[in-house]
Amino acid sequence: MDLIVGDKVICTEPTGYLVEGQTYTVSALFKDDGGVFGITVDECSVQQGYKSYIIERFTKVEPQNLVAISNDDLETIMDAFVALDYYSEGTYVNIRNYSIVVDKIEGQIKTNNN
């Protein structure tokens, strides 16, 4: 299972502090001397720090609403936010391009959910 810090996982084999079916956030990954891969999760801290669990106790939660955003669209969004912040004193800001990009993203989300 490919994981990175921040990924969400669901417990499939409860033990100790883990609850079956509960979603956890990966906070660290490790490989011990025996080659066993494990993780620590944000939601299971103990007095002495984080407790580690073997990776086989979890399944990865796959993201549901992935959208592709081009560099141009991302720049448009960032420019709009910067302009809105800079001109928050009431100066006119044309955010038409921003609205077009947001509409495109919303369309992708709707398509992915159908």
PDB file of N, CA and C in Angstrom:
ATOM      1  N   MET A   1       0.859  -1.172   0.000  1.00  0.00           N
ATOM      2  CA  MET A   1       0.000   0.000   0.000  1.00  0.00           C
ATOM      3  C   MET A   1       0.903   1.232   0.000  1.00  0.00           C
ATOM      4  N   ASP A   2       0.683   2.130  -0.937  1.00  0.00           N
ATOM      5  CA  ASP A   2       1.453   3.368  -1.013  1.00  0.00           C
ATOM      6  C   ASP A   2       0.789   4.428  -0.154  1.00  0.00           C
ATOM      7  N   LEU A   3       1.510   4.917   0.842  1.00  0.00           N
ATOM      8  CA  LEU A   3       0.994   5.955   1.734  1.00  0.00           C
ATOM      9  C   LEU A   3       1.998   7.079   1.858  1.00  0.00           C
ATOM     10  N   ILE A   4       1.488   8.264   2.141  1.00  0.00           N
ATOM     11  CA  ILE A   4       2.313   9.399   2.509  1.00  0.00           C
ATOM     12  C   ILE A   4       1.695  10.023   3.758  1.00  0.00           C
ATOM     13  N   VAL A   5       2.490  10.799   4.467  1.00  0.00           N
ATOM     14  CA  VAL A   5       1.982  11.493   5.651  1.00  0.00           C
ATOM     15  C   VAL A   5       0.812  12.377   5.231  1.00  0.00           C
ATOM     16  N   GLY A   6      -0.260  12.309   5.997  1.00  0.00           N
ATOM     17  CA  GLY A   6      -1.463  13.070   5.700  1.00  0.00           C
ATOM     18  C   GLY A   6      -2.564  12.251   5.067  1.00  0.00           C
ATOM     19  N   ASP A   7      -2.214  11.069   4.519  1.00  0.00           N
ATOM     20  CA  ASP A   7      -3.233  10.190   3.939  1.00  0.00           C
ATOM     21  C   ASP A   7      -4.203   9.727   5.021  1.00  0.00           C
ATOM     22  N   LYS A   8      -5.405   9.397   4.606  1.00  0.00           N
ATOM     23  CA  LYS A   8      -6.418   8.841   5.504  1.00  0.00           C
ATOM     24  C   LYS A   8      -6.452   7.326   5.313  1.00  0.00           C
ATOM     25  N   VAL A   9      -6.578   6.599   6.442  1.00  0.00           N
ATOM     26  CA  VAL A   9      -6.681   5.147   6.415  1.00  0.00           C
ATOM     27  C   VAL A   9      -7.828   4.720   7.320  1.00  0.00           C
ATOM     28  N   ILE A  10      -8.393   3.544   7.021  1.00  0.00           N
ATOM     29  CA  ILE A  10      -9.452   2.972   7.844  1.00  0.00           C
ATOM     30  C   ILE A  10      -8.907   1.719   8.513  1.00  0.00           C
ATOM     31  N   CYS A  11      -9.154   1.582   9.803  1.00  0.00           N
ATOM     32  CA  CYS A  11      -8.715   0.411  10.546  1.00  0.00           C
ATOM     33  C   CYS A  11      -9.558  -0.802  10.154  1.00  0.00           C
ATOM     34  N   THR A  12      -8.873  -1.883   9.772  1.00  0.00           N
ATOM     35  CA  THR A  12      -9.570  -3.129   9.435  1.00  0.00           C
ATOM     36  C   THR A  12      -9.299  -4.220  10.466  1.00  0.00           C
ATOM     37  N   GLU A  13      -8.229  -4.063  11.268  1.00  0.00           N
ATOM     38  CA  GLU A  13      -7.879  -5.019  12.316  1.00  0.00           C
ATOM     39  C   GLU A  13      -7.605  -4.239  13.601  1.00  0.00           C
ATOM     40  N   PRO A  14      -8.616  -4.093  14.473  1.00  0.00           N
ATOM     41  CA  PRO A  14      -8.434  -3.280  15.677  1.00  0.00           C
ATOM     42  C   PRO A  14      -7.468  -3.918  16.668  1.00  0.00           C
ATOM     43  N   THR A  15      -6.804  -3.068  17.426  1.00  0.00           N
ATOM     44  CA  THR A  15      -5.926  -3.497  18.508  1.00  0.00           C
ATOM     45  C   THR A  15      -5.632  -2.283  19.367  1.00  0.00           C
ATOM     46  N   GLY A  16      -5.410  -2.477  20.625  1.00  0.00           N
ATOM     47  CA  GLY A  16      -5.046  -1.370  21.503  1.00  0.00           C
ATOM     48  C   GLY A  16      -5.982  -0.193  21.380  1.00  0.00           C
ATOM     49  N   TYR A  17      -5.468   0.897  20.865  1.00  0.00           N
ATOM     50  CA  TYR A  17      -6.234   2.135  20.729  1.00  0.00           C
ATOM     51  C   TYR A  17      -7.025   2.223  19.422  1.00  0.00           C
ATOM     52  N   LEU A  18      -6.811   1.295  18.505  1.00  0.00           N
ATOM     53  CA  LEU A  18      -7.476   1.341  17.207  1.00  0.00           C
ATOM     54  C   LEU A  18      -8.894   0.793  17.284  1.00  0.00           C
ATOM     55  N   VAL A  19      -9.810   1.443  16.581  1.00  0.00           N
ATOM     56  CA  VAL A  19     -11.204   1.021  16.518  1.00  0.00           C
ATOM     57  C   VAL A  19     -11.508   0.599  15.080  1.00  0.00           C
ATOM     58  N   GLU A  20     -12.064  -0.594  14.904  1.00  0.00           N
ATOM     59  CA  GLU A  20     -12.382  -1.087  13.566  1.00  0.00           C
ATOM     60  C   GLU A  20     -13.369  -0.160  12.870  1.00  0.00           C
ATOM     61  N   GLY A  21     -13.059   0.177  11.612  1.00  0.00           N
ATOM     62  CA  GLY A  21     -13.934   1.028  10.815  1.00  0.00           C
ATOM     63  C   GLY A  21     -13.700   2.513  10.996  1.00  0.00           C
ATOM     64  N   GLN A  22     -12.881   2.892  11.961  1.00  0.00           N
ATOM     65  CA  GLN A  22     -12.614   4.320  12.182  1.00  0.00           C
ATOM     66  C   GLN A  22     -11.531   4.807  11.230  1.00  0.00           C
ATOM     67  N   THR A  23     -11.657   6.065  10.805  1.00  0.00           N
ATOM     68  CA  THR A  23     -10.685   6.677   9.901  1.00  0.00           C
ATOM     69  C   THR A  23      -9.607   7.387  10.720  1.00  0.00           C
ATOM     70  N   TYR A  24      -8.367   7.209  10.312  1.00  0.00           N
ATOM     71  CA  TYR A  24      -7.218   7.814  10.974  1.00  0.00           C
ATOM     72  C   TYR A  24      -6.366   8.558   9.952  1.00  0.00           C
ATOM     73  N   THR A  25      -5.531   9.490  10.437  1.00  0.00           N
ATOM     74  CA  THR A  25      -4.637  10.270   9.590  1.00  0.00           C
ATOM     75  C   THR A  25      -3.206   9.811   9.818  1.00  0.00           C
ATOM     76  N   VAL A  26      -2.495   9.447   8.755  1.00  0.00           N
ATOM     77  CA  VAL A  26      -1.117   8.982   8.858  1.00  0.00           C
ATOM     78  C   VAL A  26      -0.221  10.153   9.271  1.00  0.00           C
ATOM     79  N   SER A  27       0.536   9.969  10.373  1.00  0.00           N
ATOM     80  CA  SER A  27       1.441  11.024  10.822  1.00  0.00           C
ATOM     81  C   SER A  27       2.910  10.679  10.588  1.00  0.00           C
ATOM     82  N   ALA A  28       3.225   9.383  10.430  1.00  0.00           N
ATOM     83  CA  ALA A  28       4.603   8.969  10.144  1.00  0.00           C
ATOM     84  C   ALA A  28       4.587   7.550   9.588  1.00  0.00           C
ATOM     85  N   LEU A  29       5.624   7.229   8.830  1.00  0.00           N
ATOM     86  CA  LEU A  29       5.807   5.898   8.250  1.00  0.00           C
ATOM     87  C   LEU A  29       7.163   5.371   8.691  1.00  0.00           C
ATOM     88  N   PHE A  30       7.291   4.053   8.869  1.00  0.00           N
ATOM     89  CA  PHE A  30       8.575   3.491   9.241  1.00  0.00           C
ATOM     90  C   PHE A  30       8.714   2.060   8.735  1.00  0.00           C
ATOM     91  N   LYS A  31       9.975   1.604   8.708  1.00  0.00           N
ATOM     92  CA  LYS A  31      10.292   0.214   8.384  1.00  0.00           C
ATOM     93  C   LYS A  31      11.256  -0.254   9.471  1.00  0.00           C
ATOM     94  N   ASP A  32      10.879  -1.301  10.200  1.00  0.00           N
ATOM     95  CA  ASP A  32      11.756  -1.771  11.277  1.00  0.00           C
ATOM     96  C   ASP A  32      12.848  -2.697  10.733  1.00  0.00           C
ATOM     97  N   ASP A  33      13.707  -3.190  11.627  1.00  0.00           N
ATOM     98  CA  ASP A  33      14.834  -4.034  11.214  1.00  0.00           C
ATOM     99  C   ASP A  33      14.393  -5.319  10.524  1.00  0.00           C
ATOM    100  N   GLY A  34      13.191  -5.810  10.873  1.00  0.00           N
ATOM    101  CA  GLY A  34      12.684  -7.032  10.253  1.00  0.00           C
ATOM    102  C   GLY A  34      11.990  -6.790   8.930  1.00  0.00           C
ATOM    103  N   GLY A  35      11.965  -5.562   8.459  1.00  0.00           N
ATOM    104  CA  GLY A  35      11.339  -5.241   7.186  1.00  0.00           C
ATOM    105  C   GLY A  35       9.841  -5.013   7.270  1.00  0.00           C
ATOM    106  N   VAL A  36       9.306  -4.909   8.483  1.00  0.00           N
ATOM    107  CA  VAL A  36       7.869  -4.685   8.654  1.00  0.00           C
ATOM    108  C   VAL A  36       7.579  -3.194   8.507  1.00  0.00           C
ATOM    109  N   PHE A  37       6.606  -2.882   7.666  1.00  0.00           N
ATOM    110  CA  PHE A  37       6.216  -1.498   7.480  1.00  0.00           C
ATOM    111  C   PHE A  37       5.130  -1.144   8.478  1.00  0.00           C
ATOM    112  N   GLY A  38       5.225   0.045   9.040  1.00  0.00           N
ATOM    113  CA  GLY A  38       4.230   0.481   9.998  1.00  0.00           C
ATOM    114  C   GLY A  38       3.949   1.964   9.879  1.00  0.00           C
ATOM    115  N   ILE A  39       2.932   2.404  10.594  1.00  0.00           N
ATOM    116  CA  ILE A  39       2.563   3.811  10.589  1.00  0.00           C
ATOM    117  C   ILE A  39       2.216   4.250  12.009  1.00  0.00           C
ATOM    118  N   THR A  40       2.282   5.540  12.219  1.00  0.00           N
ATOM    119  CA  THR A  40       1.664   6.140  13.391  1.00  0.00           C
ATOM    120  C   THR A  40       0.539   7.019  12.867  1.00  0.00           C
ATOM    121  N   VAL A  41      -0.471   7.195  13.702  1.00  0.00           N
ATOM    122  CA  VAL A  41      -1.624   7.982  13.283  1.00  0.00           C
ATOM    123  C   VAL A  41      -1.884   9.088  14.296  1.00  0.00           C
ATOM    124  N   ASP A  42      -2.319  10.243  13.790  1.00  0.00           N
ATOM    125  CA  ASP A  42      -2.538  11.414  14.645  1.00  0.00           C
ATOM    126  C   ASP A  42      -3.512  11.134  15.781  1.00  0.00           C
ATOM    127  N   GLU A  43      -4.513  10.353  15.515  1.00  0.00           N
ATOM    128  CA  GLU A  43      -5.607  10.174  16.463  1.00  0.00           C
ATOM    129  C   GLU A  43      -5.283   9.199  17.595  1.00  0.00           C
ATOM    130  N   CYS A  44      -4.118   8.564  17.580  1.00  0.00           N
ATOM    131  CA  CYS A  44      -3.770   7.581  18.609  1.00  0.00           C
ATOM    132  C   CYS A  44      -2.471   7.952  19.319  1.00  0.00           C
ATOM    133  N   SER A  45      -2.443   9.087  19.970  1.00  0.00           N
ATOM    134  CA  SER A  45      -1.256   9.431  20.751  1.00  0.00           C
ATOM    135  C   SER A  45      -1.417   8.821  22.139  1.00  0.00           C
ATOM    136  N   VAL A  46      -0.314   8.422  22.718  1.00  0.00           N
ATOM    137  CA  VAL A  46      -0.304   7.868  24.072  1.00  0.00           C
ATOM    138  C   VAL A  46       0.616   8.729  24.922  1.00  0.00           C
ATOM    139  N   GLN A  47       0.688   8.468  26.217  1.00  0.00           N
ATOM    140  CA  GLN A  47       1.475   9.319  27.111  1.00  0.00           C
ATOM    141  C   GLN A  47       2.922   9.487  26.656  1.00  0.00           C
ATOM    142  N   GLN A  48       3.525   8.438  26.168  1.00  0.00           N
ATOM    143  CA  GLN A  48       4.934   8.483  25.802  1.00  0.00           C
ATOM    144  C   GLN A  48       5.159   8.939  24.358  1.00  0.00           C
ATOM    145  N   GLY A  49       4.145   9.367  23.658  1.00  0.00           N
ATOM    146  CA  GLY A  49       4.272   9.759  22.260  1.00  0.00           C
ATOM    147  C   GLY A  49       3.282   8.987  21.416  1.00  0.00           C
ATOM    148  N   TYR A  50       3.657   8.697  20.179  1.00  0.00           N
ATOM    149  CA  TYR A  50       2.759   7.989  19.279  1.00  0.00           C
ATOM    150  C   TYR A  50       3.055   6.505  19.284  1.00  0.00           C
ATOM    151  N   LYS A  51       2.024   5.691  19.224  1.00  0.00           N
ATOM    152  CA  LYS A  51       2.166   4.243  19.114  1.00  0.00           C
ATOM    153  C   LYS A  51       2.130   3.881  17.627  1.00  0.00           C
ATOM    154  N   SER A  52       2.980   2.943  17.216  1.00  0.00           N
ATOM    155  CA  SER A  52       3.034   2.518  15.823  1.00  0.00           C
ATOM    156  C   SER A  52       2.212   1.253  15.619  1.00  0.00           C
ATOM    157  N   TYR A  53       1.704   1.118  14.404  1.00  0.00           N
ATOM    158  CA  TYR A  53       0.895  -0.045  14.043  1.00  0.00           C
ATOM    159  C   TYR A  53       1.371  -0.581  12.700  1.00  0.00           C
ATOM    160  N   ILE A  54       1.287  -1.910  12.532  1.00  0.00           N
ATOM    161  CA  ILE A  54       1.674  -2.468  11.238  1.00  0.00           C
ATOM    162  C   ILE A  54       0.655  -2.025  10.186  1.00  0.00           C
ATOM    163  N   ILE A  55       1.156  -1.811   9.023  1.00  0.00           N
ATOM    164  CA  ILE A  55       0.359  -1.234   7.944  1.00  0.00           C
ATOM    165  C   ILE A  55      -0.800  -2.147   7.527  1.00  0.00           C
ATOM    166  N   GLU A  56      -0.665  -3.453   7.760  1.00  0.00           N
ATOM    167  CA  GLU A  56      -1.708  -4.396   7.359  1.00  0.00           C
ATOM    168  C   GLU A  56      -3.012  -4.224   8.141  1.00  0.00           C
ATOM    169  N   ARG A  57      -2.986  -3.450   9.200  1.00  0.00           N
ATOM    170  CA  ARG A  57      -4.201  -3.207   9.994  1.00  0.00           C
ATOM    171  C   ARG A  57      -5.115  -2.157   9.357  1.00  0.00           C
ATOM    172  N   PHE A  58      -4.693  -1.599   8.226  1.00  0.00           N
ATOM    173  CA  PHE A  58      -5.408  -0.480   7.625  1.00  0.00           C
ATOM    174  C   PHE A  58      -5.635  -0.684   6.139  1.00  0.00           C
ATOM    175  N   THR A  59      -6.624   0.019   5.608  1.00  0.00           N
ATOM    176  CA  THR A  59      -6.770   0.196   4.162  1.00  0.00           C
ATOM    177  C   THR A  59      -6.787   1.693   3.895  1.00  0.00           C
ATOM    178  N   LYS A  60      -6.249   2.059   2.768  1.00  0.00           N
ATOM    179  CA  LYS A  60      -6.166   3.477   2.411  1.00  0.00           C
ATOM    180  C   LYS A  60      -7.525   3.981   1.938  1.00  0.00           C
ATOM    181  N   VAL A  61      -7.873   5.187   2.380  1.00  0.00           N
ATOM    182  CA  VAL A  61      -9.080   5.848   1.899  1.00  0.00           C
ATOM    183  C   VAL A  61      -8.680   6.604   0.638  1.00  0.00           C
ATOM    184  N   GLU A  62      -9.297   6.234  -0.475  1.00  0.00           N
ATOM    185  CA  GLU A  62      -8.980   6.897  -1.741  1.00  0.00           C
ATOM    186  C   GLU A  62      -9.776   8.193  -1.852  1.00  0.00           C
ATOM    187  N   PRO A  63      -9.128   9.274  -2.291  1.00  0.00           N
ATOM    188  CA  PRO A  63      -9.840  10.548  -2.472  1.00  0.00           C
ATOM    189  C   PRO A  63     -10.988  10.394  -3.470  1.00  0.00           C
ATOM    190  N   GLN A  64     -12.093  11.064  -3.206  1.00  0.00           N
ATOM    191  CA  GLN A  64     -13.280  10.947  -4.040  1.00  0.00           C
ATOM    192  C   GLN A  64     -13.418  12.070  -5.065  1.00  0.00           C
ATOM    193  N   ASN A  65     -12.966  13.237  -4.746  1.00  0.00           N
ATOM    194  CA  ASN A  65     -13.232  14.401  -5.600  1.00  0.00           C
ATOM    195  C   ASN A  65     -11.958  15.000  -6.175  1.00  0.00           C
ATOM    196  N   LEU A  66     -11.172  14.185  -6.850  1.00  0.00           N
ATOM    197  CA  LEU A  66      -9.974  14.707  -7.483  1.00  0.00           C
ATOM    198  C   LEU A  66     -10.351  15.491  -8.735  1.00  0.00           C
ATOM    199  N   VAL A  67      -9.730  16.627  -8.895  1.00  0.00           N
ATOM    200  CA  VAL A  67      -9.952  17.426 -10.096  1.00  0.00           C
ATOM    201  C   VAL A  67      -8.603  17.843 -10.661  1.00  0.00           C
ATOM    202  N   ALA A  68      -8.569  17.994 -11.958  1.00  0.00           N
ATOM    203  CA  ALA A  68      -7.359  18.457 -12.624  1.00  0.00           C
ATOM    204  C   ALA A  68      -7.447  19.968 -12.786  1.00  0.00           C
ATOM    205  N   ILE A  69      -6.430  20.655 -12.299  1.00  0.00           N
ATOM    206  CA  ILE A  69      -6.395  22.112 -12.431  1.00  0.00           C
ATOM    207  C   ILE A  69      -5.123  22.459 -13.188  1.00  0.00           C
ATOM    208  N   SER A  70      -5.283  23.154 -14.294  1.00  0.00           N
ATOM    209  CA  SER A  70      -4.113  23.551 -15.076  1.00  0.00           C
ATOM    210  C   SER A  70      -3.356  24.655 -14.337  1.00  0.00           C
ATOM    211  N   ASN A  71      -2.104  24.842 -14.705  1.00  0.00           N
ATOM    212  CA  ASN A  71      -1.307  25.913 -14.109  1.00  0.00           C
ATOM    213  C   ASN A  71      -1.938  27.277 -14.364  1.00  0.00           C
ATOM    214  N   ASP A  72      -2.489  27.462 -15.561  1.00  0.00           N
ATOM    215  CA  ASP A  72      -3.139  28.746 -15.874  1.00  0.00           C
ATOM    216  C   ASP A  72      -4.340  28.987 -14.971  1.00  0.00           C
ATOM    217  N   ASP A  73      -5.167  27.942 -14.772  1.00  0.00           N
ATOM    218  CA  ASP A  73      -6.324  28.084 -13.889  1.00  0.00           C
ATOM    219  C   ASP A  73      -5.898  28.362 -12.462  1.00  0.00           C
ATOM    220  N   LEU A  74      -4.863  27.676 -12.000  1.00  0.00           N
ATOM    221  CA  LEU A  74      -4.384  27.898 -10.643  1.00  0.00           C
ATOM    222  C   LEU A  74      -3.864  29.331 -10.484  1.00  0.00           C
ATOM    223  N   GLU A  75      -3.138  29.825 -11.476  1.00  0.00           N
ATOM    224  CA  GLU A  75      -2.654  31.206 -11.422  1.00  0.00           C
ATOM    225  C   GLU A  75      -3.823  32.188 -11.401  1.00  0.00           C
ATOM    226  N   THR A  76      -4.871  31.920 -12.163  1.00  0.00           N
ATOM    227  CA  THR A  76      -6.053  32.784 -12.176  1.00  0.00           C
ATOM    228  C   THR A  76      -6.685  32.839 -10.792  1.00  0.00           C
ATOM    229  N   ILE A  77      -6.814  31.663 -10.157  1.00  0.00           N
ATOM    230  CA  ILE A  77      -7.392  31.619  -8.813  1.00  0.00           C
ATOM    231  C   ILE A  77      -6.520  32.401  -7.831  1.00  0.00           C
ATOM    232  N   MET A  78      -5.216  32.178  -7.872  1.00  0.00           N
ATOM    233  CA  MET A  78      -4.316  32.865  -6.948  1.00  0.00           C
ATOM    234  C   MET A  78      -4.333  34.377  -7.184  1.00  0.00           C
ATOM    235  N   ASP A  79      -4.322  34.783  -8.440  1.00  0.00           N
ATOM    236  CA  ASP A  79      -4.378  36.218  -8.751  1.00  0.00           C
ATOM    237  C   ASP A  79      -5.654  36.839  -8.210  1.00  0.00           C
ATOM    238  N   ALA A  80      -6.763  36.127  -8.334  1.00  0.00           N
ATOM    239  CA  ALA A  80      -8.041  36.647  -7.843  1.00  0.00           C
ATOM    240  C   ALA A  80      -8.010  36.811  -6.328  1.00  0.00           C
ATOM    241  N   PHE A  81      -7.454  35.834  -5.621  1.00  0.00           N
ATOM    242  CA  PHE A  81      -7.386  35.945  -4.166  1.00  0.00           C
ATOM    243  C   PHE A  81      -6.467  37.079  -3.742  1.00  0.00           C
ATOM    244  N   VAL A  82      -5.331  37.204  -4.402  1.00  0.00           N
ATOM    245  CA  VAL A  82      -4.411  38.293  -4.078  1.00  0.00           C
ATOM    246  C   VAL A  82      -5.090  39.632  -4.348  1.00  0.00           C
ATOM    247  N   ALA A  83      -5.769  39.741  -5.503  1.00  0.00           N
ATOM    248  CA  ALA A  83      -6.448  40.993  -5.848  1.00  0.00           C
ATOM    249  C   ALA A  83      -7.544  41.298  -4.830  1.00  0.00           C
ATOM    250  N   LEU A  84      -8.312  40.283  -4.435  1.00  0.00           N
ATOM    251  CA  LEU A  84      -9.373  40.518  -3.459  1.00  0.00           C
ATOM    252  C   LEU A  84      -8.803  40.974  -2.130  1.00  0.00           C
ATOM    253  N   ASP A  85      -7.691  40.391  -1.726  1.00  0.00           N
ATOM    254  CA  ASP A  85      -7.078  40.780  -0.471  1.00  0.00           C
ATOM    255  C   ASP A  85      -6.515  42.198  -0.570  1.00  0.00           C
ATOM    256  N   TYR A  86      -5.846  42.487  -1.680  1.00  0.00           N
ATOM    257  CA  TYR A  86      -5.211  43.792  -1.861  1.00  0.00           C
ATOM    258  C   TYR A  86      -6.252  44.903  -1.980  1.00  0.00           C
ATOM    259  N   TYR A  87      -7.352  44.624  -2.652  1.00  0.00           N
ATOM    260  CA  TYR A  87      -8.361  45.645  -2.900  1.00  0.00           C
ATOM    261  C   TYR A  87      -9.562  45.524  -1.959  1.00  0.00           C
ATOM    262  N   SER A  88      -9.370  44.974  -0.797  1.00  0.00           N
ATOM    263  CA  SER A  88     -10.482  44.776   0.120  1.00  0.00           C
ATOM    264  C   SER A  88     -11.051  46.082   0.657  1.00  0.00           C
ATOM    265  N   GLU A  89     -10.394  47.198   0.369  1.00  0.00           N
ATOM    266  CA  GLU A  89     -10.875  48.504   0.832  1.00  0.00           C
ATOM    267  C   GLU A  89     -12.078  48.993   0.027  1.00  0.00           C
ATOM    268  N   GLY A  90     -12.522  48.228  -0.974  1.00  0.00           N
ATOM    269  CA  GLY A  90     -13.700  48.625  -1.725  1.00  0.00           C
ATOM    270  C   GLY A  90     -13.419  48.954  -3.178  1.00  0.00           C
ATOM    271  N   THR A  91     -12.153  48.886  -3.599  1.00  0.00           N
ATOM    272  CA  THR A  91     -11.812  49.138  -4.985  1.00  0.00           C
ATOM    273  C   THR A  91     -12.372  48.019  -5.850  1.00  0.00           C
ATOM    274  N   TYR A  92     -12.841  48.349  -7.053  1.00  0.00           N
ATOM    275  CA  TYR A  92     -13.434  47.370  -7.964  1.00  0.00           C
ATOM    276  C   TYR A  92     -12.414  46.300  -8.346  1.00  0.00           C
ATOM    277  N   VAL A  93     -12.835  45.046  -8.296  1.00  0.00           N
ATOM    278  CA  VAL A  93     -11.999  43.927  -8.714  1.00  0.00           C
ATOM    279  C   VAL A  93     -12.796  43.094  -9.704  1.00  0.00           C
ATOM    280  N   ASN A  94     -12.225  42.836 -10.874  1.00  0.00           N
ATOM    281  CA  ASN A  94     -12.881  41.999 -11.867  1.00  0.00           C
ATOM    282  C   ASN A  94     -12.500  40.550 -11.599  1.00  0.00           C
ATOM    283  N   ILE A  95     -13.468  39.776 -11.079  1.00  0.00           N
ATOM    284  CA  ILE A  95     -13.172  38.373 -10.775  1.00  0.00           C
ATOM    285  C   ILE A  95     -13.887  37.435 -11.743  1.00  0.00           C
ATOM    286  N   ARG A  96     -14.200  37.917 -12.916  1.00  0.00           N
ATOM    287  CA  ARG A  96     -14.886  37.090 -13.907  1.00  0.00           C
ATOM    288  C   ARG A  96     -14.082  35.831 -14.231  1.00  0.00           C
ATOM    289  N   ASN A  97     -12.764  35.978 -14.450  1.00  0.00           N
ATOM    290  CA  ASN A  97     -11.933  34.810 -14.775  1.00  0.00           C
ATOM    291  C   ASN A  97     -11.925  33.812 -13.629  1.00  0.00           C
ATOM    292  N   TYR A  98     -11.907  34.315 -12.421  1.00  0.00           N
ATOM    293  CA  TYR A  98     -11.951  33.445 -11.242  1.00  0.00           C
ATOM    294  C   TYR A  98     -13.234  32.624 -11.256  1.00  0.00           C
ATOM    295  N   SER A  99     -14.357  33.255 -11.533  1.00  0.00           N
ATOM    296  CA  SER A  99     -15.648  32.561 -11.564  1.00  0.00           C
ATOM    297  C   SER A  99     -15.670  31.474 -12.636  1.00  0.00           C
ATOM    298  N   ILE A 100     -15.072  31.736 -13.773  1.00  0.00           N
ATOM    299  CA  ILE A 100     -15.015  30.755 -14.855  1.00  0.00           C
ATOM    300  C   ILE A 100     -14.239  29.521 -14.404  1.00  0.00           C
ATOM    301  N   VAL A 101     -13.117  29.730 -13.735  1.00  0.00           N
ATOM    302  CA  VAL A 101     -12.293  28.614 -13.266  1.00  0.00           C
ATOM    303  C   VAL A 101     -13.044  27.810 -12.208  1.00  0.00           C
ATOM    304  N   VAL A 102     -13.689  28.485 -11.278  1.00  0.00           N
ATOM    305  CA  VAL A 102     -14.447  27.789 -10.234  1.00  0.00           C
ATOM    306  C   VAL A 102     -15.570  26.964 -10.866  1.00  0.00           C
ATOM    307  N   ASP A 103     -16.239  27.506 -11.869  1.00  0.00           N
ATOM    308  CA  ASP A 103     -17.294  26.757 -12.564  1.00  0.00           C
ATOM    309  C   ASP A 103     -16.728  25.493 -13.211  1.00  0.00           C
ATOM    310  N   LYS A 104     -15.532  25.594 -13.813  1.00  0.00           N
ATOM    311  CA  LYS A 104     -14.900  24.433 -14.429  1.00  0.00           C
ATOM    312  C   LYS A 104     -14.608  23.355 -13.383  1.00  0.00           C
ATOM    313  N   ILE A 105     -14.102  23.760 -12.228  1.00  0.00           N
ATOM    314  CA  ILE A 105     -13.776  22.815 -11.165  1.00  0.00           C
ATOM    315  C   ILE A 105     -15.052  22.157 -10.635  1.00  0.00           C
ATOM    316  N   GLU A 106     -16.087  22.940 -10.409  1.00  0.00           N
ATOM    317  CA  GLU A 106     -17.354  22.383  -9.934  1.00  0.00           C
ATOM    318  C   GLU A 106     -17.911  21.377 -10.944  1.00  0.00           C
ATOM    319  N   GLY A 107     -17.777  21.667 -12.238  1.00  0.00           N
ATOM    320  CA  GLY A 107     -18.219  20.735 -13.269  1.00  0.00           C
ATOM    321  C   GLY A 107     -17.468  19.419 -13.217  1.00  0.00           C
ATOM    322  N   GLN A 108     -16.159  19.494 -12.978  1.00  0.00           N
ATOM    323  CA  GLN A 108     -15.358  18.256 -12.851  1.00  0.00           C
ATOM    324  C   GLN A 108     -15.794  17.452 -11.652  1.00  0.00           C
ATOM    325  N   ILE A 109     -16.055  18.105 -10.536  1.00  0.00           N
ATOM    326  CA  ILE A 109     -16.490  17.396  -9.316  1.00  0.00           C
ATOM    327  C   ILE A 109     -17.819  16.698  -9.576  1.00  0.00           C
ATOM    328  N   LYS A 110     -18.761  17.399 -10.198  1.00  0.00           N
ATOM    329  CA  LYS A 110     -20.059  16.793 -10.490  1.00  0.00           C
ATOM    330  C   LYS A 110     -19.902  15.589 -11.411  1.00  0.00           C
ATOM    331  N   THR A 111     -19.045  15.705 -12.421  1.00  0.00           N
ATOM    332  CA  THR A 111     -18.813  14.606 -13.355  1.00  0.00           C
ATOM    333  C   THR A 111     -18.189  13.412 -12.624  1.00  0.00           C
ATOM    334  N   ASN A 112     -17.231  13.662 -11.733  1.00  0.00           N
ATOM    335  CA  ASN A 112     -16.574  12.581 -10.993  1.00  0.00           C
ATOM    336  C   ASN A 112     -17.509  11.888 -10.021  1.00  0.00           C
ATOM    337  N   ASN A 113     -18.522  12.589  -9.527  1.00  0.00           N
ATOM    338  CA  ASN A 113     -19.437  12.012  -8.557  1.00  0.00           C
ATOM    339  C   ASN A 113     -20.583  11.249  -9.215  1.00  0.00           C
ATOM    340  N   ASN A 114     -20.736  11.351 -10.516  1.00  0.00           N
ATOM    341  CA  ASN A 114     -21.825  10.629 -11.220  1.00  0.00           C
ATOM    342  C   ASN A 114     -21.357   9.319 -11.761  1.00  0.00           C
TER     343      ASN A 114
END
